[in-house]
Amino acid sequence: QVQLVESGGGLVQPGGSLRLSCATAGIIFSRSDMGWYRQAPGKSRELVASITSGETTNYAEVVQGRFVISRDNMRRTVYLQMNDLRPEDTAVYFCNAKGPRYGRSSNSQFWGQGTQVTVSS
């Protein structure tokens, strides 16, 4: 069974920081491309940051320079360090994996359940 479990969300004041974690199980993590998406109320889900299996990173322009995505293949976990948070960063943040589950050779896409991030004074 594939599981992506996010943690680390919460309420933070503008200018503050949070670190999100996404622990995975059931996928071949080292061969998976990982990403963080977010969805604000009334808006579409959007890509925030991604990191390939080869550790190439990509960021949405609105978070460039403030957020950092990283991965730990030994712990099968992907992180999102969020600094200088703004009210417009408020959203549910979802972990995404594109890769093979154990016992399969083809790639599939998986989602976590999401974690709420609220930036407010």
Protein backbone atom coordinates (compact mmCIF):
# COMPACT_ATOMS: atom_id res chain seq x y z
CA GLN A 1 0.00 0.00 0.00
CA VAL A 2 1.30 3.41 -0.96
CA GLN A 3 1.20 6.14 1.67
CA LEU A 4 2.28 9.76 1.55
CA VAL A 5 1.87 11.44 4.93
CA GLU A 6 2.40 15.18 5.27
CA SER A 7 3.16 16.96 8.51
CA GLY A 8 4.42 20.31 9.72
CA GLY A 9 1.60 22.60 8.74
CA GLY A 10 0.04 25.12 11.08
CA LEU A 11 -0.57 28.76 11.83
CA VAL A 12 2.33 31.18 11.44
CA GLN A 13 2.68 34.95 11.38
CA PRO A 14 3.76 36.76 8.23
CA GLY A 15 7.52 36.59 7.87
CA GLY A 16 7.68 33.33 9.78
CA SER A 17 8.87 29.89 8.72
CA LEU A 18 7.54 26.37 8.57
CA ARG A 19 9.02 23.08 7.47
CA LEU A 20 6.75 20.54 5.86
CA SER A 21 7.63 16.85 5.72
CA CYS A 22 6.20 14.09 3.58
CA ALA A 23 7.02 10.57 4.69
CA THR A 24 6.41 7.89 2.10
CA ALA A 25 5.85 4.16 2.06
CA GLY A 26 5.20 1.66 -0.68
CA ILE A 27 7.01 3.48 -3.47
CA ILE A 28 10.58 3.16 -4.68
CA PHE A 29 11.41 6.58 -3.30
CA SER A 30 14.90 6.89 -4.78
CA ARG A 31 13.44 6.49 -8.27
CA SER A 32 10.52 8.85 -7.72
CA ASP A 33 10.15 12.51 -8.62
CA MET A 34 8.61 14.37 -5.70
CA GLY A 35 6.67 17.60 -5.52
CA TRP A 36 4.72 19.94 -3.30
CA TYR A 37 1.48 21.45 -4.53
CA ARG A 38 -0.95 23.79 -2.83
CA GLN A 39 -4.58 24.69 -3.15
CA ALA A 40 -6.11 27.82 -1.71
CA PRO A 41 -9.89 28.16 -1.26
CA GLY A 42 -11.59 28.76 -4.58
CA LYS A 43 -8.40 28.25 -6.56
CA SER A 44 -6.88 25.41 -8.58
CA ARG A 45 -4.14 23.23 -7.23
CA GLU A 46 -0.74 24.60 -8.25
CA LEU A 47 2.82 23.34 -8.23
CA VAL A 48 4.97 24.94 -5.54
CA ALA A 49 8.24 23.03 -5.90
CA SER A 50 9.54 19.77 -7.27
CA ILE A 51 12.66 17.65 -7.01
CA THR A 52 13.57 14.85 -9.36
CA SER A 53 15.16 11.55 -8.45
CA GLY A 54 18.41 13.14 -9.61
CA GLU A 55 17.80 16.07 -7.24
CA THR A 56 17.07 18.68 -9.88
CA THR A 57 14.76 21.25 -8.32
CA ASN A 58 12.11 23.54 -9.75
CA TYR A 59 10.13 26.31 -8.06
CA ALA A 60 7.09 28.38 -8.79
CA GLU A 61 8.13 31.95 -9.39
CA VAL A 62 6.11 33.21 -6.43
CA VAL A 63 8.12 31.11 -3.95
CA GLN A 64 11.54 31.30 -5.61
CA GLY A 65 14.12 32.41 -3.07
CA ARG A 66 11.81 31.79 -0.09
CA PHE A 67 11.09 28.04 -0.24
CA VAL A 68 13.55 25.16 -0.47
CA ILE A 69 12.65 21.59 -1.40
CA SER A 70 14.91 18.72 -0.40
CA ARG A 71 14.79 14.96 -0.07
CA ASP A 72 16.30 12.26 2.10
CA ASN A 73 16.35 8.96 0.25
CA MET A 74 17.37 7.01 3.33
CA ARG A 75 14.29 8.25 5.22
CA ARG A 76 12.08 8.18 2.06
CA THR A 77 11.00 11.70 2.97
CA VAL A 78 10.70 14.98 1.09
CA TYR A 79 10.78 18.36 2.81
CA LEU A 80 9.66 21.88 2.04
CA GLN A 81 11.34 24.64 4.03
CA MET A 82 9.17 27.73 3.80
CA ASN A 83 10.65 31.06 4.85
CA ASP A 84 9.34 34.62 4.79
CA LEU A 85 5.79 33.33 4.63
CA ARG A 86 3.08 35.64 3.34
CA PRO A 87 -0.70 35.60 3.77
CA GLU A 88 -1.02 34.58 0.12
CA ASP A 89 0.88 31.36 0.93
CA THR A 90 -2.14 30.22 2.93
CA ALA A 91 -3.37 26.96 1.42
CA VAL A 92 -3.55 23.22 1.86
CA TYR A 93 -0.20 21.79 0.83
CA PHE A 94 -0.11 18.38 -0.83
CA CYS A 95 2.78 16.00 -1.35
CA ASN A 96 3.01 14.36 -4.78
CA ALA A 97 5.04 11.40 -5.98
CA LYS A 98 5.61 10.16 -9.50
CA GLY A 99 7.36 6.85 -9.50
CA PRO A 100 7.04 3.07 -9.30
CA ARG A 101 5.46 1.31 -6.38
CA TYR A 102 7.23 -1.76 -5.09
CA GLY A 103 6.80 -4.71 -7.43
CA ARG A 104 5.97 -2.55 -10.43
CA SER A 105 8.16 -1.19 -13.20
CA SER A 106 5.86 1.54 -14.49
CA ASN A 107 5.41 4.94 -12.87
CA SER A 108 2.22 6.06 -11.19
CA GLN A 109 1.20 9.26 -9.46
CA PHE A 110 0.29 9.44 -5.79
CA TRP A 111 -1.00 12.17 -3.49
CA GLY A 112 -0.92 12.79 0.22
CA GLN A 113 -3.94 13.94 2.18
CA GLY A 114 -2.68 17.50 2.58
CA THR A 115 -1.65 19.74 5.46
CA GLN A 116 -3.05 23.19 6.18
CA VAL A 117 -0.73 26.18 6.22
CA THR A 118 -2.23 29.45 7.45
CA VAL A 119 -0.25 32.67 7.42
CA SER A 120 -1.96 35.34 9.47
CA SER A 121 -1.28 37.89 12.15
